[in-house]
Amino acid sequence: MAKVIIEVTKNGNENNAGILRRFSRKMQESSVIPKVKNNRYAVRKDSKLKVKKSKMKYLKKRAENEKLRKLGKIR
């Protein structure tokens, strides 16, 4: 993400609340906040190895359940 420099200088006898309000408005106009919020909960894809291991675990458990079902131990 590109750096965005937002600068607000005090005008005359402006109070701190006014400066903060102008800064907040400039931040919203620059669309920095929505970009950061979009990336906040970004989830990376699982690695191929992790996907493969979970699939193997699933298949092993499924085979075990099928075996127990054939033996009549579970329904």
N, C-alpha and C. Protein backbone atom coordinates (compact mmCIF):
# COMPACT_ATOMS: atom_id res chain seq x y z
N MET A 1 0.84 -1.17 0.00
CA MET A 1 0.00 0.00 0.00
C MET A 1 0.88 1.23 0.00
N ALA A 2 0.56 2.20 -0.83
CA ALA A 2 1.35 3.42 -0.95
C ALA A 2 1.17 4.29 0.28
N LYS A 3 2.25 5.00 0.63
CA LYS A 3 2.19 5.91 1.75
C LYS A 3 1.37 7.13 1.40
N VAL A 4 0.55 7.55 2.32
CA VAL A 4 -0.24 8.76 2.13
C VAL A 4 0.10 9.70 3.27
N ILE A 5 0.56 10.90 2.93
CA ILE A 5 0.92 11.88 3.95
C ILE A 5 -0.20 12.91 4.02
N ILE A 6 -0.79 13.02 5.19
CA ILE A 6 -1.87 13.98 5.40
C ILE A 6 -1.37 14.99 6.42
N GLU A 7 -1.39 16.24 6.04
CA GLU A 7 -0.86 17.29 6.90
C GLU A 7 -1.94 18.34 7.13
N VAL A 8 -2.13 18.72 8.39
CA VAL A 8 -3.10 19.74 8.75
C VAL A 8 -2.39 20.76 9.63
N THR A 9 -2.45 22.04 9.25
CA THR A 9 -1.82 23.09 10.05
C THR A 9 -2.90 23.94 10.70
N LYS A 10 -2.55 24.52 11.84
CA LYS A 10 -3.49 25.33 12.60
C LYS A 10 -3.71 26.67 11.89
N ASN A 11 -4.97 27.05 11.77
CA ASN A 11 -5.32 28.31 11.12
C ASN A 11 -5.72 29.34 12.18
N GLY A 12 -4.96 30.41 12.31
CA GLY A 12 -5.31 31.51 13.21
C GLY A 12 -5.55 31.05 14.63
N ASN A 13 -6.73 31.36 15.16
CA ASN A 13 -7.05 30.97 16.54
C ASN A 13 -8.01 29.78 16.56
N GLU A 14 -7.79 28.81 15.68
CA GLU A 14 -8.59 27.59 15.61
C GLU A 14 -8.27 26.69 16.80
N ASN A 15 -9.30 26.09 17.38
CA ASN A 15 -9.05 25.22 18.54
C ASN A 15 -8.70 23.80 18.08
N ASN A 16 -8.31 22.97 19.04
CA ASN A 16 -7.85 21.60 18.73
C ASN A 16 -8.96 20.75 18.13
N ALA A 17 -10.20 20.97 18.56
CA ALA A 17 -11.32 20.19 18.03
C ALA A 17 -11.49 20.46 16.54
N GLY A 18 -11.31 21.70 16.12
CA GLY A 18 -11.42 22.04 14.71
C GLY A 18 -10.34 21.39 13.88
N ILE A 19 -9.12 21.39 14.41
CA ILE A 19 -8.00 20.75 13.70
C ILE A 19 -8.27 19.25 13.56
N LEU A 20 -8.72 18.65 14.64
CA LEU A 20 -9.00 17.21 14.63
C LEU A 20 -10.12 16.89 13.63
N ARG A 21 -11.13 17.73 13.57
CA ARG A 21 -12.24 17.53 12.64
C ARG A 21 -11.75 17.61 11.20
N ARG A 22 -10.90 18.61 10.90
CA ARG A 22 -10.37 18.73 9.54
C ARG A 22 -9.48 17.54 9.18
N PHE A 23 -8.69 17.09 10.16
CA PHE A 23 -7.83 15.93 9.92
C PHE A 23 -8.67 14.69 9.62
N SER A 24 -9.72 14.48 10.42
CA SER A 24 -10.59 13.32 10.22
C SER A 24 -11.24 13.37 8.84
N ARG A 25 -11.68 14.55 8.43
CA ARG A 25 -12.31 14.69 7.12
C ARG A 25 -11.32 14.37 6.01
N LYS A 26 -10.09 14.86 6.15
CA LYS A 26 -9.07 14.58 5.13
C LYS A 26 -8.73 13.09 5.07
N MET A 27 -8.73 12.44 6.22
CA MET A 27 -8.48 11.00 6.26
C MET A 27 -9.58 10.25 5.50
N GLN A 28 -10.82 10.63 5.70
CA GLN A 28 -11.93 9.97 5.02
C GLN A 28 -11.89 10.23 3.52
N GLU A 29 -11.52 11.45 3.14
CA GLU A 29 -11.44 11.79 1.72
C GLU A 29 -10.32 11.03 1.01
N SER A 30 -9.24 10.75 1.76
CA SER A 30 -8.09 10.07 1.14
C SER A 30 -8.33 8.57 0.99
N SER A 31 -9.40 8.05 1.54
CA SER A 31 -9.80 6.64 1.49
C SER A 31 -8.76 5.70 2.08
N VAL A 32 -8.01 6.17 3.07
CA VAL A 32 -7.04 5.32 3.76
C VAL A 32 -7.76 4.36 4.70
N ILE A 33 -8.73 4.88 5.43
CA ILE A 33 -9.42 4.08 6.44
C ILE A 33 -10.16 2.89 5.82
N PRO A 34 -10.94 3.07 4.75
CA PRO A 34 -11.61 1.90 4.16
C PRO A 34 -10.63 0.84 3.67
N LYS A 35 -9.49 1.26 3.13
CA LYS A 35 -8.50 0.28 2.66
C LYS A 35 -7.95 -0.54 3.82
N VAL A 36 -7.66 0.13 4.93
CA VAL A 36 -7.13 -0.57 6.11
C VAL A 36 -8.18 -1.51 6.68
N LYS A 37 -9.43 -1.05 6.73
CA LYS A 37 -10.50 -1.90 7.27
C LYS A 37 -10.73 -3.13 6.39
N ASN A 38 -10.58 -2.98 5.07
CA ASN A 38 -10.75 -4.13 4.18
C ASN A 38 -9.68 -5.18 4.43
N ASN A 39 -8.47 -4.76 4.75
CA ASN A 39 -7.37 -5.70 4.97
C ASN A 39 -7.36 -6.26 6.38
N ARG A 40 -8.19 -5.74 7.26
CA ARG A 40 -8.14 -6.10 8.66
C ARG A 40 -8.38 -7.59 8.91
N TYR A 41 -9.36 -8.14 8.25
CA TYR A 41 -9.72 -9.54 8.48
C TYR A 41 -9.35 -10.44 7.30
N ALA A 42 -8.35 -10.02 6.54
CA ALA A 42 -7.92 -10.83 5.41
C ALA A 42 -7.35 -12.16 5.91
N VAL A 43 -7.74 -13.24 5.27
CA VAL A 43 -7.30 -14.58 5.68
C VAL A 43 -6.48 -15.19 4.56
N ARG A 44 -5.31 -15.67 4.92
CA ARG A 44 -4.46 -16.31 3.93
C ARG A 44 -4.97 -17.71 3.62
N LYS A 45 -4.71 -18.15 2.41
CA LYS A 45 -5.10 -19.51 2.03
C LYS A 45 -4.19 -20.50 2.76
N ASP A 46 -4.74 -21.68 3.07
CA ASP A 46 -3.95 -22.73 3.71
C ASP A 46 -2.91 -23.25 2.73
N SER A 47 -1.76 -23.68 3.27
CA SER A 47 -0.72 -24.23 2.41
C SER A 47 -1.18 -25.57 1.84
N LYS A 48 -0.56 -25.97 0.75
CA LYS A 48 -0.93 -27.23 0.10
C LYS A 48 -0.72 -28.40 1.04
N LEU A 49 0.36 -28.35 1.82
CA LEU A 49 0.66 -29.43 2.76
C LEU A 49 -0.43 -29.54 3.82
N LYS A 50 -0.87 -28.41 4.35
CA LYS A 50 -1.91 -28.41 5.38
C LYS A 50 -3.22 -28.96 4.82
N VAL A 51 -3.56 -28.57 3.60
CA VAL A 51 -4.79 -29.05 2.96
C VAL A 51 -4.70 -30.56 2.76
N LYS A 52 -3.54 -31.02 2.30
CA LYS A 52 -3.34 -32.45 2.05
C LYS A 52 -3.44 -33.25 3.34
N LYS A 53 -2.81 -32.75 4.42
CA LYS A 53 -2.87 -33.46 5.70
C LYS A 53 -4.29 -33.55 6.23
N SER A 54 -5.04 -32.45 6.13
CA SER A 54 -6.41 -32.48 6.64
C SER A 54 -7.28 -33.42 5.81
N LYS A 55 -7.06 -33.46 4.51
CA LYS A 55 -7.81 -34.36 3.63
C LYS A 55 -7.50 -35.82 3.97
N MET A 56 -6.22 -36.11 4.21
CA MET A 56 -5.82 -37.48 4.57
C MET A 56 -6.45 -37.89 5.91
N LYS A 57 -6.47 -36.95 6.86
CA LYS A 57 -7.07 -37.23 8.16
C LYS A 57 -8.56 -37.51 8.00
N TYR A 58 -9.23 -36.74 7.16
CA TYR A 58 -10.65 -36.92 6.89
C TYR A 58 -10.92 -38.29 6.27
N LEU A 59 -10.10 -38.66 5.27
CA LEU A 59 -10.30 -39.95 4.59
C LEU A 59 -10.05 -41.12 5.53
N LYS A 60 -9.04 -40.98 6.40
CA LYS A 60 -8.72 -42.05 7.36
C LYS A 60 -9.88 -42.23 8.35
N LYS A 61 -10.42 -41.13 8.85
CA LYS A 61 -11.54 -41.18 9.79
C LYS A 61 -12.78 -41.76 9.11
N ARG A 62 -13.00 -41.39 7.87
CA ARG A 62 -14.16 -41.89 7.12
C ARG A 62 -14.05 -43.41 6.91
N ALA A 63 -12.84 -43.88 6.58
CA ALA A 63 -12.62 -45.31 6.38
C ALA A 63 -12.84 -46.07 7.69
N GLU A 64 -12.38 -45.50 8.79
CA GLU A 64 -12.55 -46.14 10.10
C GLU A 64 -14.04 -46.24 10.46
N ASN A 65 -14.78 -45.17 10.21
CA ASN A 65 -16.22 -45.19 10.49
C ASN A 65 -16.95 -46.21 9.62
N GLU A 66 -16.56 -46.30 8.37
CA GLU A 66 -17.17 -47.27 7.45
C GLU A 66 -16.90 -48.70 7.93
N LYS A 67 -15.68 -48.93 8.40
CA LYS A 67 -15.30 -50.26 8.91
C LYS A 67 -16.15 -50.62 10.14
N LEU A 68 -16.29 -49.64 11.08
CA LEU A 68 -17.10 -49.89 12.28
C LEU A 68 -18.57 -50.08 11.92
N ARG A 69 -19.05 -49.38 10.90
CA ARG A 69 -20.45 -49.50 10.47
C ARG A 69 -20.67 -50.93 9.91
N LYS A 70 -19.73 -51.44 9.16
CA LYS A 70 -19.86 -52.78 8.58
C LYS A 70 -19.83 -53.86 9.68
N LEU A 71 -19.08 -53.59 10.75
CA LEU A 71 -19.01 -54.53 11.86
C LEU A 71 -20.22 -54.43 12.78
N GLY A 72 -21.04 -53.39 12.59
CA GLY A 72 -22.24 -53.22 13.40
C GLY A 72 -21.99 -52.55 14.73
N LYS A 73 -20.83 -51.93 14.90
CA LYS A 73 -20.50 -51.26 16.18
C LYS A 73 -21.15 -49.88 16.26
N ILE A 74 -21.36 -49.24 15.11
CA ILE A 74 -22.07 -47.96 15.09
C ILE A 74 -23.12 -47.99 14.00
N ARG A 75 -24.05 -47.10 14.05
CA ARG A 75 -25.12 -47.07 13.06
C ARG A 75 -24.77 -46.20 11.91
